[in-house]
Amino acid sequence: MVSNSYPSLEIDETDATIVASLDRPKKLNALDTELASSLHELLGDLNSAPEKGLLLRGNGATTCAGADTSIVANDDVDSSAHSQMIHEIYQRLHRYPRPTVMACKGAIVGAAFQFALASDIAVVGEETTISKAEIEHGIYSEFAVEMTAHEIGRRATRELYLSGDPLAPERALAMGFASAVVPEDTVDSVARSKLHELVEKDTVAYEKIKRKLMFYEDLDTFELYS
């Protein structure tokens, strides 16, 4: 059983699954330092005792609108330390040996794009905005670029990162980013159904397949951010 002390996260736990809901709906679940720290801690706790499937979602109409402006425009925030924590969230989610599903509705922007990519399954709403437009703000993450290229290919990554243009859900499905595109009001239910299907699979085989697919397993970046 995980701790219930994850500020800005709502946790719903059953015998086989954990649903972690980003709980800043009035801010479109934008990532501030508190929410990022809670995700970091939760995923650390889960990896220390990996027993249950994980569904990552957002309360309200939007899964996650990216970084909160309180971080972007705040000189008091250590941007280097915050970036490293975000990278560790990607890794902890990606390396979690049990099933992971992300419900993507309304918008998934910036780091939320990477969370979806790090999950085993990304269920995307047909009206969802998908954006990885850091280039418009002069932001660049070598780790995120490498991870994206491994998951969806270099050509698609080049198009996405260099243009900064939003990614249409059907295009996301075609390039392998989205696992399913469904009506917006069914995203959560379909994502839950997918998770319940996956937790029934053989645990040992599931973990071995995931580990084989981890792109950073032999990279220096794995050691740097782990």
C-alpha atoms as a PDB file:
ATOM      1  CA  MET A   1       0.000   0.000   0.000  1.00  0.00           C
ATOM      2  CA  VAL A   2       1.354   3.415  -0.967  1.00  0.00           C
ATOM      3  CA  SER A   3       1.409   6.446   1.277  1.00  0.00           C
ATOM      4  CA  ASN A   4      -1.536   8.841   1.092  1.00  0.00           C
ATOM      5  CA  SER A   5       0.692  11.878   1.598  1.00  0.00           C
ATOM      6  CA  TYR A   6       1.168  13.031  -1.983  1.00  0.00           C
ATOM      7  CA  PRO A   7       0.060  16.678  -2.178  1.00  0.00           C
ATOM      8  CA  SER A   8      -1.811  17.605  -5.372  1.00  0.00           C
ATOM      9  CA  LEU A   9      -2.276  13.915  -6.206  1.00  0.00           C
ATOM     10  CA  GLU A  10      -5.443  11.930  -5.553  1.00  0.00           C
ATOM     11  CA  ILE A  11      -4.731   8.236  -5.003  1.00  0.00           C
ATOM     12  CA  ASP A  12      -7.295   5.472  -5.464  1.00  0.00           C
ATOM     13  CA  GLU A  13      -5.893   2.031  -4.659  1.00  0.00           C
ATOM     14  CA  THR A  14      -7.361  -1.445  -5.122  1.00  0.00           C
ATOM     15  CA  ASP A  15      -5.852  -4.898  -4.719  1.00  0.00           C
ATOM     16  CA  ALA A  16      -4.415  -4.831  -8.255  1.00  0.00           C
ATOM     17  CA  THR A  17      -4.264  -1.193  -9.354  1.00  0.00           C
ATOM     18  CA  ILE A  18      -3.402   2.339  -8.342  1.00  0.00           C
ATOM     19  CA  VAL A  19      -5.065   5.333  -9.968  1.00  0.00           C
ATOM     20  CA  ALA A  20      -3.023   8.521  -9.539  1.00  0.00           C
ATOM     21  CA  SER A  21      -5.002  11.627 -10.503  1.00  0.00           C
ATOM     22  CA  LEU A  22      -3.297  14.981 -10.928  1.00  0.00           C
ATOM     23  CA  ASP A  23      -5.435  17.147  -8.676  1.00  0.00           C
ATOM     24  CA  ARG A  24      -5.030  20.785  -9.704  1.00  0.00           C
ATOM     25  CA  PRO A  25      -8.059  21.062 -12.013  1.00  0.00           C
ATOM     26  CA  LYS A  26      -8.402  24.837 -11.601  1.00  0.00           C
ATOM     27  CA  LYS A  27      -4.853  25.132 -12.970  1.00  0.00           C
ATOM     28  CA  LEU A  28      -5.476  22.518 -15.689  1.00  0.00           C
ATOM     29  CA  ASN A  29      -3.261  20.190 -13.639  1.00  0.00           C
ATOM     30  CA  ALA A  30      -0.181  22.177 -14.629  1.00  0.00           C
ATOM     31  CA  LEU A  31       2.977  20.890 -12.973  1.00  0.00           C
ATOM     32  CA  ASP A  32       4.233  23.040 -10.126  1.00  0.00           C
ATOM     33  CA  THR A  33       7.013  21.997  -7.754  1.00  0.00           C
ATOM     34  CA  GLU A  34       4.561  20.381  -5.316  1.00  0.00           C
ATOM     35  CA  LEU A  35       2.855  18.200  -7.926  1.00  0.00           C
ATOM     36  CA  ALA A  36       6.156  17.258  -9.551  1.00  0.00           C
ATOM     37  CA  SER A  37       7.600  16.310  -6.155  1.00  0.00           C
ATOM     38  CA  SER A  38       4.549  14.168  -5.391  1.00  0.00           C
ATOM     39  CA  LEU A  39       4.811  12.313  -8.711  1.00  0.00           C
ATOM     40  CA  HIS A  40       8.524  11.810  -8.113  1.00  0.00           C
ATOM     41  CA  GLU A  41       7.899  10.409  -4.625  1.00  0.00           C
ATOM     42  CA  LEU A  42       4.971   8.215  -5.670  1.00  0.00           C
ATOM     43  CA  LEU A  43       6.902   6.616  -8.522  1.00  0.00           C
ATOM     44  CA  GLY A  44       9.879   6.086  -6.250  1.00  0.00           C
ATOM     45  CA  ASP A  45       7.651   4.325  -3.734  1.00  0.00           C
ATOM     46  CA  LEU A  46       6.035   2.191  -6.440  1.00  0.00           C
ATOM     47  CA  ASN A  47       9.371   1.104  -7.864  1.00  0.00           C
ATOM     48  CA  SER A  48      10.549   0.047  -4.409  1.00  0.00           C
ATOM     49  CA  ALA A  49       7.627  -2.414  -4.226  1.00  0.00           C
ATOM     50  CA  PRO A  50       6.300  -2.930  -7.769  1.00  0.00           C
ATOM     51  CA  GLU A  51       3.103  -4.897  -7.290  1.00  0.00           C
ATOM     52  CA  LYS A  52       0.231  -3.030  -8.936  1.00  0.00           C
ATOM     53  CA  GLY A  53      -0.767  -1.573 -12.271  1.00  0.00           C
ATOM     54  CA  LEU A  54      -0.752   2.224 -12.489  1.00  0.00           C
ATOM     55  CA  LEU A  55      -3.200   4.565 -14.208  1.00  0.00           C
ATOM     56  CA  LEU A  56      -2.079   8.187 -14.519  1.00  0.00           C
ATOM     57  CA  ARG A  57      -4.851  10.695 -15.243  1.00  0.00           C
ATOM     58  CA  GLY A  58      -6.007  14.198 -14.410  1.00  0.00           C
ATOM     59  CA  ASN A  59      -9.016  15.466 -12.490  1.00  0.00           C
ATOM     60  CA  GLY A  60     -11.207  17.827 -14.484  1.00  0.00           C
ATOM     61  CA  ALA A  61     -11.346  18.247 -18.247  1.00  0.00           C
ATOM     62  CA  THR A  62      -7.588  18.432 -18.858  1.00  0.00           C
ATOM     63  CA  THR A  63      -4.981  15.816 -18.028  1.00  0.00           C
ATOM     64  CA  CYS A  64      -2.045  18.231 -17.806  1.00  0.00           C
ATOM     65  CA  ALA A  65      -1.301  21.602 -19.407  1.00  0.00           C
ATOM     66  CA  GLY A  66       2.460  21.339 -18.922  1.00  0.00           C
ATOM     67  CA  ALA A  67       4.629  23.381 -16.573  1.00  0.00           C
ATOM     68  CA  ASP A  68       2.968  25.858 -14.251  1.00  0.00           C
ATOM     69  CA  THR A  69       3.901  29.488 -14.884  1.00  0.00           C
ATOM     70  CA  SER A  70       5.002  29.678 -11.237  1.00  0.00           C
ATOM     71  CA  ILE A  71       8.000  27.582 -12.274  1.00  0.00           C
ATOM     72  CA  VAL A  72       8.698  29.092 -15.679  1.00  0.00           C
ATOM     73  CA  ALA A  73       8.726  32.680 -14.431  1.00  0.00           C
ATOM     74  CA  ASN A  74      10.196  32.149 -10.953  1.00  0.00           C
ATOM     75  CA  ASP A  75      13.876  32.887 -10.385  1.00  0.00           C
ATOM     76  CA  ASP A  76      13.638  31.270  -6.940  1.00  0.00           C
ATOM     77  CA  VAL A  77      13.096  27.840  -8.506  1.00  0.00           C
ATOM     78  CA  ASP A  78      16.299  25.912  -9.204  1.00  0.00           C
ATOM     79  CA  SER A  79      15.622  25.090 -12.846  1.00  0.00           C
ATOM     80  CA  SER A  80      18.453  22.559 -13.044  1.00  0.00           C
ATOM     81  CA  ALA A  81      17.239  20.601 -10.007  1.00  0.00           C
ATOM     82  CA  HIS A  82      13.649  20.765 -11.226  1.00  0.00           C
ATOM     83  CA  SER A  83      14.626  19.508 -14.690  1.00  0.00           C
ATOM     84  CA  GLN A  84      16.513  16.603 -13.160  1.00  0.00           C
ATOM     85  CA  MET A  85      13.482  15.705 -11.046  1.00  0.00           C
ATOM     86  CA  ILE A  86      11.259  15.731 -14.154  1.00  0.00           C
ATOM     87  CA  HIS A  87      13.742  13.457 -15.940  1.00  0.00           C
ATOM     88  CA  GLU A  88      13.656  11.089 -12.989  1.00  0.00           C
ATOM     89  CA  ILE A  89       9.852  11.017 -13.161  1.00  0.00           C
ATOM     90  CA  TYR A  90      10.122   9.964 -16.821  1.00  0.00           C
ATOM     91  CA  GLN A  91      12.552   7.219 -15.913  1.00  0.00           C
ATOM     92  CA  ARG A  92      10.683   5.955 -12.866  1.00  0.00           C
ATOM     93  CA  LEU A  93       7.487   5.738 -14.885  1.00  0.00           C
ATOM     94  CA  HIS A  94       9.210   4.105 -17.847  1.00  0.00           C
ATOM     95  CA  ARG A  95      11.107   1.562 -15.743  1.00  0.00           C
ATOM     96  CA  TYR A  96       8.168   0.580 -13.506  1.00  0.00           C
ATOM     97  CA  PRO A  97       7.841  -3.159 -14.221  1.00  0.00           C
ATOM     98  CA  ARG A  98       4.076  -3.407 -13.787  1.00  0.00           C
ATOM     99  CA  PRO A  99       1.511  -2.108 -16.320  1.00  0.00           C
ATOM    100  CA  THR A 100       1.234   1.661 -16.764  1.00  0.00           C
ATOM    101  CA  VAL A 101      -1.540   3.451 -18.636  1.00  0.00           C
ATOM    102  CA  MET A 102      -2.069   7.181 -19.124  1.00  0.00           C
ATOM    103  CA  ALA A 103      -5.472   8.710 -19.804  1.00  0.00           C
ATOM    104  CA  CYS A 104      -4.939  11.732 -22.068  1.00  0.00           C
ATOM    105  CA  LYS A 105      -7.863  14.132 -22.383  1.00  0.00           C
ATOM    106  CA  GLY A 106      -8.229  17.853 -23.004  1.00  0.00           C
ATOM    107  CA  ALA A 107      -4.513  18.507 -23.322  1.00  0.00           C
ATOM    108  CA  ILE A 108      -1.154  16.872 -22.696  1.00  0.00           C
ATOM    109  CA  VAL A 109       1.568  19.469 -22.999  1.00  0.00           C
ATOM    110  CA  GLY A 110       5.319  19.463 -22.404  1.00  0.00           C
ATOM    111  CA  ALA A 111       6.247  17.063 -19.607  1.00  0.00           C
ATOM    112  CA  ALA A 112       2.808  15.424 -19.842  1.00  0.00           C
ATOM    113  CA  PHE A 113       3.658  14.418 -23.415  1.00  0.00           C
ATOM    114  CA  GLN A 114       6.699  12.642 -22.012  1.00  0.00           C
ATOM    115  CA  PHE A 115       4.665  10.973 -19.264  1.00  0.00           C
ATOM    116  CA  ALA A 116       2.375   9.512 -21.923  1.00  0.00           C
ATOM    117  CA  LEU A 117       5.369   8.356 -23.930  1.00  0.00           C
ATOM    118  CA  ALA A 118       6.874   6.694 -20.845  1.00  0.00           C
ATOM    119  CA  SER A 119       3.667   4.763 -20.170  1.00  0.00           C
ATOM    120  CA  ASP A 120       2.966   1.359 -21.688  1.00  0.00           C
ATOM    121  CA  ILE A 121      -0.354   2.545 -23.096  1.00  0.00           C
ATOM    122  CA  ALA A 122      -1.579   6.068 -23.888  1.00  0.00           C
ATOM    123  CA  VAL A 123      -5.326   6.418 -24.425  1.00  0.00           C
ATOM    124  CA  VAL A 124      -5.953   9.750 -26.163  1.00  0.00           C
ATOM    125  CA  GLY A 125      -9.182  11.667 -26.632  1.00  0.00           C
ATOM    126  CA  GLU A 126     -10.096  12.544 -30.204  1.00  0.00           C
ATOM    127  CA  GLU A 127     -10.211  16.267 -29.316  1.00  0.00           C
ATOM    128  CA  THR A 128      -7.111  16.284 -27.098  1.00  0.00           C
ATOM    129  CA  THR A 129      -4.354  18.819 -27.734  1.00  0.00           C
ATOM    130  CA  ILE A 130      -0.940  17.141 -27.861  1.00  0.00           C
ATOM    131  CA  SER A 131       1.951  19.578 -27.743  1.00  0.00           C
ATOM    132  CA  LYS A 132       5.710  19.421 -27.290  1.00  0.00           C
ATOM    133  CA  ALA A 133       6.525  23.014 -28.190  1.00  0.00           C
ATOM    134  CA  GLU A 134       9.560  23.721 -26.011  1.00  0.00           C
ATOM    135  CA  ILE A 135      11.414  25.102 -29.025  1.00  0.00           C
ATOM    136  CA  GLU A 136       9.044  28.078 -28.933  1.00  0.00           C
ATOM    137  CA  HIS A 137      10.399  28.888 -25.459  1.00  0.00           C
ATOM    138  CA  GLY A 138      14.058  28.096 -26.100  1.00  0.00           C
ATOM    139  CA  ILE A 139      13.888  24.940 -23.969  1.00  0.00           C
ATOM    140  CA  TYR A 140      15.689  21.720 -24.838  1.00  0.00           C
ATOM    141  CA  SER A 141      16.027  18.394 -23.040  1.00  0.00           C
ATOM    142  CA  GLU A 142      18.533  15.970 -24.518  1.00  0.00           C
ATOM    143  CA  PHE A 143      17.051  13.112 -22.513  1.00  0.00           C
ATOM    144  CA  ALA A 144      13.502  13.836 -23.733  1.00  0.00           C
ATOM    145  CA  VAL A 145      14.625  14.034 -27.364  1.00  0.00           C
ATOM    146  CA  GLU A 146      16.496  10.714 -27.108  1.00  0.00           C
ATOM    147  CA  MET A 147      13.543   9.069 -25.412  1.00  0.00           C
ATOM    148  CA  THR A 148      11.074  10.334 -28.021  1.00  0.00           C
ATOM    149  CA  ALA A 149      13.283   9.250 -30.922  1.00  0.00           C
ATOM    150  CA  HIS A 150      13.554   5.766 -29.458  1.00  0.00           C
ATOM    151  CA  GLU A 151       9.799   5.457 -28.994  1.00  0.00           C
ATOM    152  CA  ILE A 152       8.403   6.978 -32.209  1.00  0.00           C
ATOM    153  CA  GLY A 153      11.421   7.268 -34.524  1.00  0.00           C
ATOM    154  CA  ARG A 154      13.854   9.999 -35.514  1.00  0.00           C
ATOM    155  CA  ARG A 155      11.875  11.420 -38.429  1.00  0.00           C
ATOM    156  CA  ALA A 156       8.717  11.910 -36.366  1.00  0.00           C
ATOM    157  CA  THR A 157      10.762  13.309 -33.470  1.00  0.00           C
ATOM    158  CA  ARG A 158      12.488  15.779 -35.774  1.00  0.00           C
ATOM    159  CA  GLU A 159       9.134  16.947 -37.129  1.00  0.00           C
ATOM    160  CA  LEU A 160       7.634  17.275 -33.664  1.00  0.00           C
ATOM    161  CA  TYR A 161      10.493  18.977 -31.830  1.00  0.00           C
ATOM    162  CA  LEU A 162      11.738  21.296 -34.578  1.00  0.00           C
ATOM    163  CA  SER A 163       8.324  22.590 -35.629  1.00  0.00           C
ATOM    164  CA  GLY A 164       6.706  22.834 -32.210  1.00  0.00           C
ATOM    165  CA  ASP A 165       3.365  22.243 -33.934  1.00  0.00           C
ATOM    166  CA  PRO A 166       0.554  20.456 -32.059  1.00  0.00           C
ATOM    167  CA  LEU A 167       0.144  16.779 -32.851  1.00  0.00           C
ATOM    168  CA  ALA A 168      -3.320  15.707 -33.984  1.00  0.00           C
ATOM    169  CA  PRO A 169      -4.598  12.616 -32.125  1.00  0.00           C
ATOM    170  CA  GLU A 170      -5.028  10.550 -35.303  1.00  0.00           C
ATOM    171  CA  ARG A 171      -1.484  11.459 -36.358  1.00  0.00           C
ATOM    172  CA  ALA A 172      -0.286  10.470 -32.879  1.00  0.00           C
ATOM    173  CA  LEU A 173      -1.972   7.108 -33.350  1.00  0.00           C
ATOM    174  CA  ALA A 174      -0.389   6.607 -36.769  1.00  0.00           C
ATOM    175  CA  MET A 175       3.127   7.349 -35.516  1.00  0.00           C
ATOM    176  CA  GLY A 176       2.794   5.064 -32.496  1.00  0.00           C
ATOM    177  CA  PHE A 177       2.544   7.679 -29.760  1.00  0.00           C
ATOM    178  CA  ALA A 178      -1.111   6.961 -28.975  1.00  0.00           C
ATOM    179  CA  SER A 179      -2.270   3.408 -28.338  1.00  0.00           C
ATOM    180  CA  ALA A 180      -5.921   4.306 -28.937  1.00  0.00           C
ATOM    181  CA  VAL A 181      -7.916   7.390 -29.910  1.00  0.00           C
ATOM    182  CA  VAL A 182     -11.399   7.447 -28.418  1.00  0.00           C
ATOM    183  CA  PRO A 183     -14.236   9.919 -27.801  1.00  0.00           C
ATOM    184  CA  GLU A 184     -13.187  12.471 -25.205  1.00  0.00           C
ATOM    185  CA  ASP A 185     -15.800  11.401 -22.655  1.00  0.00           C
ATOM    186  CA  THR A 186     -14.654   7.764 -22.750  1.00  0.00           C
ATOM    187  CA  VAL A 187     -10.920   8.314 -22.208  1.00  0.00           C
ATOM    188  CA  ASP A 188     -10.942   7.450 -18.503  1.00  0.00           C
ATOM    189  CA  SER A 189     -13.144   4.386 -18.833  1.00  0.00           C
ATOM    190  CA  VAL A 190     -11.151   2.986 -21.756  1.00  0.00           C
ATOM    191  CA  ALA A 191      -7.876   3.634 -19.923  1.00  0.00           C
ATOM    192  CA  ARG A 192      -9.149   1.830 -16.827  1.00  0.00           C
ATOM    193  CA  SER A 193     -10.282  -1.093 -18.967  1.00  0.00           C
ATOM    194  CA  LYS A 194      -6.854  -1.297 -20.628  1.00  0.00           C
ATOM    195  CA  LEU A 195      -5.140  -1.331 -17.244  1.00  0.00           C
ATOM    196  CA  HIS A 196      -7.376  -4.111 -15.944  1.00  0.00           C
ATOM    197  CA  GLU A 197      -6.549  -6.165 -19.050  1.00  0.00           C
ATOM    198  CA  LEU A 198      -2.810  -5.690 -18.576  1.00  0.00           C
ATOM    199  CA  VAL A 199      -2.660  -6.559 -14.872  1.00  0.00           C
ATOM    200  CA  GLU A 200      -4.012 -10.001 -15.767  1.00  0.00           C
ATOM    201  CA  LYS A 201      -0.913 -10.784 -17.856  1.00  0.00           C
ATOM    202  CA  ASP A 202       1.935 -12.938 -16.556  1.00  0.00           C
ATOM    203  CA  THR A 203       3.939 -10.750 -14.172  1.00  0.00           C
ATOM    204  CA  VAL A 204       7.393 -12.181 -14.911  1.00  0.00           C
ATOM    205  CA  ALA A 205       6.997 -12.103 -18.681  1.00  0.00           C
ATOM    206  CA  TYR A 206       5.587  -8.575 -18.535  1.00  0.00           C
ATOM    207  CA  GLU A 207       8.568  -7.281 -16.579  1.00  0.00           C
ATOM    208  CA  LYS A 208      11.112  -9.000 -18.827  1.00  0.00           C
ATOM    209  CA  ILE A 209       9.536  -7.566 -21.977  1.00  0.00           C
ATOM    210  CA  LYS A 210       9.483  -4.060 -20.520  1.00  0.00           C
ATOM    211  CA  ARG A 211      13.097  -4.236 -19.411  1.00  0.00           C
ATOM    212  CA  LYS A 212      14.186  -5.420 -22.838  1.00  0.00           C
ATOM    213  CA  LEU A 213      12.533  -2.359 -24.355  1.00  0.00           C
ATOM    214  CA  MET A 214      14.082   0.222 -22.015  1.00  0.00           C
ATOM    215  CA  PHE A 215      16.070   2.472 -24.301  1.00  0.00           C
ATOM    216  CA  TYR A 216      18.283   3.990 -21.601  1.00  0.00           C
ATOM    217  CA  GLU A 217      19.338   0.750 -19.921  1.00  0.00           C
ATOM    218  CA  ASP A 218      22.930   1.028 -21.109  1.00  0.00           C
ATOM    219  CA  LEU A 219      23.147   4.800 -21.470  1.00  0.00           C
ATOM    220  CA  ASP A 220      25.081   7.183 -19.257  1.00  0.00           C
ATOM    221  CA  THR A 221      21.882   9.227 -18.880  1.00  0.00           C
ATOM    222  CA  PHE A 222      20.370   6.337 -16.947  1.00  0.00           C
ATOM    223  CA  GLU A 223      23.120   6.610 -14.337  1.00  0.00           C
ATOM    224  CA  LEU A 224      23.036  10.404 -14.430  1.00  0.00           C
ATOM    225  CA  TYR A 225      19.373  10.714 -13.555  1.00  0.00           C
ATOM    226  CA  SER A 226      18.701   7.520 -11.575  1.00  0.00           C
END
